[in-house]
N, C-alpha and C. Protein backbone atom coordinates (compact mmCIF):
# COMPACT_ATOMS: atom_id res chain seq x y z
N GLY A 1 20.98 -4.75 -4.40
CA GLY A 1 19.69 -5.21 -4.68
C GLY A 1 18.85 -4.24 -5.45
N GLN A 2 17.69 -4.70 -5.83
CA GLN A 2 16.80 -3.85 -6.63
C GLN A 2 15.81 -3.13 -5.75
N HIS A 3 15.59 -1.85 -5.99
CA HIS A 3 14.64 -1.01 -5.24
C HIS A 3 13.61 -0.49 -6.23
N LEU A 4 12.33 -0.80 -5.95
CA LEU A 4 11.27 -0.32 -6.85
C LEU A 4 10.40 0.68 -6.12
N LEU A 5 10.17 1.81 -6.77
CA LEU A 5 9.21 2.82 -6.31
C LEU A 5 8.17 2.94 -7.40
N ILE A 6 6.91 2.68 -7.03
CA ILE A 6 5.84 2.64 -8.00
C ILE A 6 4.78 3.66 -7.58
N ASP A 7 4.43 4.56 -8.48
CA ASP A 7 3.38 5.56 -8.23
C ASP A 7 2.19 5.17 -9.08
N ILE A 8 1.07 4.88 -8.43
CA ILE A 8 -0.16 4.45 -9.14
C ILE A 8 -1.19 5.54 -9.00
N LYS A 9 -1.79 5.93 -10.11
CA LYS A 9 -2.77 7.02 -10.10
C LYS A 9 -4.13 6.51 -10.54
N ASP A 10 -5.15 7.39 -10.32
CA ASP A 10 -6.55 7.11 -10.67
C ASP A 10 -7.08 5.87 -10.03
N VAL A 11 -6.84 5.75 -8.71
CA VAL A 11 -7.37 4.63 -7.92
C VAL A 11 -8.54 5.18 -7.06
N ASP A 12 -9.62 4.41 -6.98
CA ASP A 12 -10.78 4.80 -6.22
C ASP A 12 -10.43 5.13 -4.79
N SER A 13 -10.89 6.27 -4.27
CA SER A 13 -10.58 6.69 -2.88
C SER A 13 -11.01 5.71 -1.83
N SER A 14 -12.12 4.94 -2.08
CA SER A 14 -12.54 3.97 -1.06
C SER A 14 -11.47 2.84 -0.91
N PHE A 15 -10.79 2.51 -1.99
CA PHE A 15 -9.70 1.52 -1.89
C PHE A 15 -8.56 2.12 -1.08
N LEU A 16 -8.21 3.35 -1.37
CA LEU A 16 -7.05 3.98 -0.73
C LEU A 16 -7.24 4.13 0.78
N ASN A 17 -8.49 4.09 1.26
CA ASN A 17 -8.73 4.29 2.68
C ASN A 17 -9.13 3.02 3.37
N SER A 18 -8.96 1.86 2.77
CA SER A 18 -9.36 0.59 3.33
C SER A 18 -8.14 -0.26 3.72
N GLU A 19 -7.90 -0.37 5.06
CA GLU A 19 -6.80 -1.21 5.49
C GLU A 19 -6.90 -2.62 4.92
N GLU A 20 -8.11 -3.18 4.94
CA GLU A 20 -8.31 -4.56 4.48
C GLU A 20 -7.96 -4.71 2.98
N ARG A 21 -8.43 -3.78 2.15
CA ARG A 21 -8.19 -3.85 0.70
C ARG A 21 -6.71 -3.61 0.37
N VAL A 22 -6.06 -2.67 1.04
CA VAL A 22 -4.64 -2.42 0.79
C VAL A 22 -3.81 -3.60 1.24
N ALA A 23 -4.13 -4.18 2.41
CA ALA A 23 -3.40 -5.32 2.91
C ALA A 23 -3.59 -6.51 1.95
N THR A 24 -4.81 -6.73 1.49
CA THR A 24 -5.07 -7.82 0.53
C THR A 24 -4.23 -7.64 -0.74
N ALA A 25 -4.19 -6.42 -1.26
CA ALA A 25 -3.42 -6.13 -2.46
C ALA A 25 -1.94 -6.40 -2.21
N MET A 26 -1.43 -6.01 -1.06
CA MET A 26 0.00 -6.22 -0.74
C MET A 26 0.28 -7.74 -0.61
N ILE A 27 -0.58 -8.46 0.04
CA ILE A 27 -0.36 -9.90 0.19
C ILE A 27 -0.43 -10.62 -1.16
N GLU A 28 -1.39 -10.23 -1.97
CA GLU A 28 -1.49 -10.81 -3.30
C GLU A 28 -0.26 -10.55 -4.13
N LEU A 29 0.25 -9.31 -4.11
CA LEU A 29 1.49 -8.99 -4.83
C LEU A 29 2.66 -9.83 -4.35
N ILE A 30 2.82 -9.99 -3.00
CA ILE A 30 3.86 -10.82 -2.44
C ILE A 30 3.73 -12.26 -2.91
N ASN A 31 2.55 -12.80 -2.81
CA ASN A 31 2.30 -14.20 -3.22
C ASN A 31 2.60 -14.41 -4.74
N GLU A 32 2.10 -13.47 -5.57
CA GLU A 32 2.32 -13.56 -7.01
C GLU A 32 3.80 -13.46 -7.36
N SER A 33 4.55 -12.73 -6.53
CA SER A 33 5.99 -12.58 -6.77
C SER A 33 6.81 -13.74 -6.22
N LYS A 34 6.11 -14.72 -5.63
CA LYS A 34 6.76 -15.88 -5.02
C LYS A 34 7.74 -15.50 -3.92
N LEU A 35 7.36 -14.51 -3.13
CA LEU A 35 8.17 -14.05 -1.98
C LEU A 35 7.54 -14.66 -0.72
N THR A 36 8.25 -14.55 0.40
CA THR A 36 7.82 -15.18 1.66
C THR A 36 7.50 -14.10 2.70
N LEU A 37 6.21 -13.94 2.98
CA LEU A 37 5.74 -12.95 3.99
C LEU A 37 5.93 -13.52 5.37
N LEU A 38 6.68 -12.85 6.20
CA LEU A 38 6.86 -13.29 7.59
C LEU A 38 5.85 -12.62 8.54
N SER A 39 5.62 -11.32 8.34
CA SER A 39 4.61 -10.59 9.11
C SER A 39 4.30 -9.26 8.42
N TYR A 40 3.17 -8.63 8.78
CA TYR A 40 2.85 -7.32 8.27
C TYR A 40 1.98 -6.57 9.26
N HIS A 41 1.94 -5.26 9.10
CA HIS A 41 1.12 -4.40 9.93
C HIS A 41 0.62 -3.28 9.06
N CYS A 42 -0.66 -2.93 9.27
CA CYS A 42 -1.25 -1.77 8.55
C CYS A 42 -1.82 -0.80 9.57
N HIS A 43 -1.84 0.46 9.16
CA HIS A 43 -2.36 1.53 10.03
C HIS A 43 -3.13 2.52 9.20
N SER A 44 -4.35 2.87 9.64
CA SER A 44 -5.16 3.88 8.94
C SER A 44 -4.65 5.26 9.33
N LEU A 45 -4.63 6.18 8.33
CA LEU A 45 -4.17 7.54 8.53
C LEU A 45 -5.36 8.47 8.58
N VAL A 46 -5.17 9.65 9.18
CA VAL A 46 -6.18 10.66 9.29
C VAL A 46 -5.75 11.88 8.44
N PRO A 47 -6.57 12.43 7.57
CA PRO A 47 -7.95 12.14 7.39
C PRO A 47 -8.24 10.97 6.41
N ILE A 48 -7.28 10.61 5.59
CA ILE A 48 -7.45 9.48 4.67
C ILE A 48 -6.11 8.87 4.34
N GLY A 49 -6.15 7.56 4.11
CA GLY A 49 -4.93 6.87 3.69
C GLY A 49 -4.64 5.69 4.61
N VAL A 50 -3.73 4.86 4.12
CA VAL A 50 -3.31 3.62 4.83
C VAL A 50 -1.79 3.44 4.60
N SER A 51 -1.11 3.02 5.58
CA SER A 51 0.26 2.57 5.48
C SER A 51 0.35 1.12 5.90
N CYS A 52 0.97 0.26 5.08
CA CYS A 52 1.19 -1.15 5.39
C CYS A 52 2.64 -1.46 5.13
N ALA A 53 3.21 -2.19 6.06
CA ALA A 53 4.60 -2.67 5.91
C ALA A 53 4.63 -4.15 6.12
N GLY A 54 5.38 -4.83 5.28
CA GLY A 54 5.51 -6.27 5.38
C GLY A 54 6.97 -6.68 5.52
N VAL A 55 7.27 -7.58 6.41
CA VAL A 55 8.60 -8.13 6.56
C VAL A 55 8.64 -9.44 5.73
N LEU A 56 9.54 -9.53 4.80
CA LEU A 56 9.72 -10.70 3.94
C LEU A 56 10.94 -11.47 4.34
N LEU A 57 10.98 -12.73 4.08
CA LEU A 57 12.19 -13.53 4.26
C LEU A 57 13.29 -12.94 3.38
N GLU A 58 12.94 -12.44 2.21
CA GLU A 58 13.89 -11.94 1.25
C GLU A 58 14.24 -10.45 1.46
N SER A 59 13.32 -9.66 2.08
CA SER A 59 13.57 -8.25 2.19
C SER A 59 12.39 -7.62 2.96
N HIS A 60 11.77 -6.57 2.40
CA HIS A 60 10.61 -5.91 2.97
C HIS A 60 9.84 -5.23 1.92
N VAL A 61 8.61 -4.82 2.22
CA VAL A 61 7.74 -4.13 1.28
C VAL A 61 6.89 -3.11 2.09
N ALA A 62 6.58 -1.99 1.45
CA ALA A 62 5.74 -0.99 2.15
C ALA A 62 4.80 -0.40 1.12
N PHE A 63 3.55 -0.18 1.57
CA PHE A 63 2.52 0.46 0.75
C PHE A 63 2.07 1.69 1.52
N HIS A 64 1.98 2.85 0.85
CA HIS A 64 1.45 4.06 1.48
C HIS A 64 0.44 4.69 0.51
N THR A 65 -0.75 4.92 1.01
CA THR A 65 -1.79 5.49 0.16
C THR A 65 -2.27 6.82 0.74
N TRP A 66 -2.70 7.72 -0.13
CA TRP A 66 -3.36 8.93 0.25
C TRP A 66 -4.15 9.40 -0.95
N TYR A 67 -5.07 10.27 -0.73
CA TYR A 67 -5.98 10.77 -1.76
C TYR A 67 -5.96 12.28 -1.72
N VAL A 68 -5.67 12.89 -2.85
CA VAL A 68 -5.64 14.35 -2.89
C VAL A 68 -6.77 14.80 -3.82
N VAL A 69 -7.60 15.75 -3.33
CA VAL A 69 -8.63 16.35 -4.09
C VAL A 69 -8.20 17.77 -4.44
N LEU A 70 -8.10 18.04 -5.71
CA LEU A 70 -7.73 19.37 -6.18
C LEU A 70 -8.97 20.16 -6.49
N SER A 71 -9.04 21.37 -5.92
CA SER A 71 -10.20 22.23 -6.17
C SER A 71 -9.88 23.24 -7.30
N ASP A 72 -10.87 23.98 -7.72
CA ASP A 72 -10.64 24.98 -8.76
C ASP A 72 -9.73 26.10 -8.25
N THR A 73 -9.54 26.23 -6.97
CA THR A 73 -8.73 27.34 -6.44
C THR A 73 -7.25 26.90 -6.30
N ASP A 74 -6.96 25.61 -6.50
CA ASP A 74 -5.57 25.15 -6.39
C ASP A 74 -4.75 25.43 -7.62
C-alpha cells in the first residue's frame, strides 16, 4: 500500500494547538479523499500541539502538530 508522510510549514500556532481545528482538517481531508471514517480521537499536548488518529474502513490516518519557536540564541 501507499504510505504518505507530509510535512507542512508556516501554519499559524493557534491552529496547531486547537483540537477542534485539527480534527476538522483531518475529517475534511478524509471526506475529500472519499475514505470512510469509522472513529477518531484527538489529544492536546503540553506545552503545545495536538495528536489525532482516525480509524478508516480502508486504513488509518494520524495528524501530529507542534510549534517550534527559534530564538536568536539557537
